[in-house]
Amino acid sequence: MPKDENINKVLIIGSGPIQIGQAAEFDYSGSQACKSLREENVETVLVNSNPATIQTDIESADKVYVEPLTADIVAK
């Protein structure tokens, strides 16, 4: 799929709280999305309520917010 040059910033919403044994798939897919987008020079903004994931590493996205995943917070 060709890159849409009109897209220069993407919001990635993390999976939030998870159950034991279910973290790896969600964390990995979000991390890979951030990595791929950054390689294409797309600014990434990540919001996740779970500080224990690798997604919330400050190097995984251009901006990382550890906040509750509510409509009000995500809209900001």
Protein backbone atom coordinates (compact mmCIF):
# COMPACT_ATOMS: atom_id res chain seq x y z
CA MET A 1 0.00 0.00 0.00
CA PRO A 2 1.49 3.39 -0.91
CA LYS A 3 2.12 5.87 1.85
CA ASP A 4 -0.48 8.62 2.19
CA GLU A 5 1.64 11.77 2.31
CA ASN A 6 -1.21 13.64 4.02
CA ILE A 7 -0.77 11.60 7.20
CA ASN A 8 2.05 12.98 9.34
CA LYS A 9 0.87 12.16 12.87
CA VAL A 10 -0.86 9.07 14.29
CA LEU A 11 -2.44 8.45 17.68
CA ILE A 12 -1.91 4.92 18.96
CA ILE A 13 -4.18 3.89 21.82
CA GLY A 14 -2.72 1.14 23.97
CA SER A 15 -4.70 -1.86 25.12
CA GLY A 16 -4.87 -0.62 28.70
CA PRO A 17 -5.23 -3.02 31.63
CA ILE A 18 -4.79 -6.66 30.73
CA GLN A 19 -5.03 -10.05 32.37
CA ILE A 20 -2.00 -12.15 33.19
CA GLY A 21 -0.99 -14.11 30.10
CA GLN A 22 -2.59 -11.73 27.63
CA ALA A 23 -0.11 -8.86 27.62
CA ALA A 24 2.42 -9.98 25.04
CA GLU A 25 0.23 -9.93 21.92
CA PHE A 26 -1.25 -6.48 22.52
CA ASP A 27 2.03 -4.97 23.65
CA TYR A 28 3.97 -6.42 20.70
CA SER A 29 1.50 -5.29 18.04
CA GLY A 30 1.36 -1.74 19.40
CA SER A 31 5.14 -1.56 19.66
CA GLN A 32 5.55 -2.79 16.09
CA ALA A 33 3.03 -0.22 14.85
CA CYS A 34 5.01 2.57 16.54
CA LYS A 35 8.27 1.26 15.13
CA SER A 36 6.95 0.96 11.57
CA LEU A 37 5.35 4.40 11.59
CA ARG A 38 8.47 6.07 12.98
CA GLU A 39 10.56 4.40 10.26
CA GLU A 40 8.27 6.14 7.76
CA ASN A 41 8.81 9.50 9.54
CA VAL A 42 5.25 9.60 10.85
CA GLU A 43 5.02 11.25 14.27
CA THR A 44 3.59 8.80 16.80
CA VAL A 45 1.64 9.69 19.93
CA LEU A 46 0.95 6.79 22.28
CA VAL A 47 -1.63 6.78 25.08
CA ASN A 48 -1.70 3.77 27.39
CA SER A 49 -2.96 3.34 30.93
CA ASN A 50 -0.59 0.49 31.72
CA PRO A 51 2.90 1.73 32.67
CA ALA A 52 4.22 -1.85 32.83
CA THR A 53 4.19 -2.39 29.05
CA ILE A 54 7.15 -1.88 26.72
CA GLN A 55 4.93 0.44 24.68
CA THR A 56 5.33 3.12 27.33
CA ASP A 57 9.12 3.20 26.95
CA ILE A 58 9.93 6.80 26.02
CA GLU A 59 11.82 5.61 22.94
CA SER A 60 8.87 3.67 21.50
CA ALA A 61 6.94 6.75 20.33
CA ASP A 62 7.58 10.43 19.78
CA LYS A 63 5.22 11.28 22.64
CA VAL A 64 4.10 8.85 25.33
CA TYR A 65 1.28 9.47 27.78
CA VAL A 66 0.47 7.11 30.65
CA GLU A 67 -3.11 8.15 31.34
CA PRO A 68 -6.50 6.52 31.89
CA LEU A 69 -8.05 5.46 28.57
CA THR A 70 -11.16 7.61 28.76
CA ALA A 71 -12.74 9.59 25.94
CA ASP A 72 -11.86 12.88 27.64
CA ILE A 73 -8.18 12.01 28.08
CA VAL A 74 -7.77 10.60 24.57
CA ALA A 75 -9.46 13.67 23.06
CA LYS A 76 -6.84 15.96 24.65
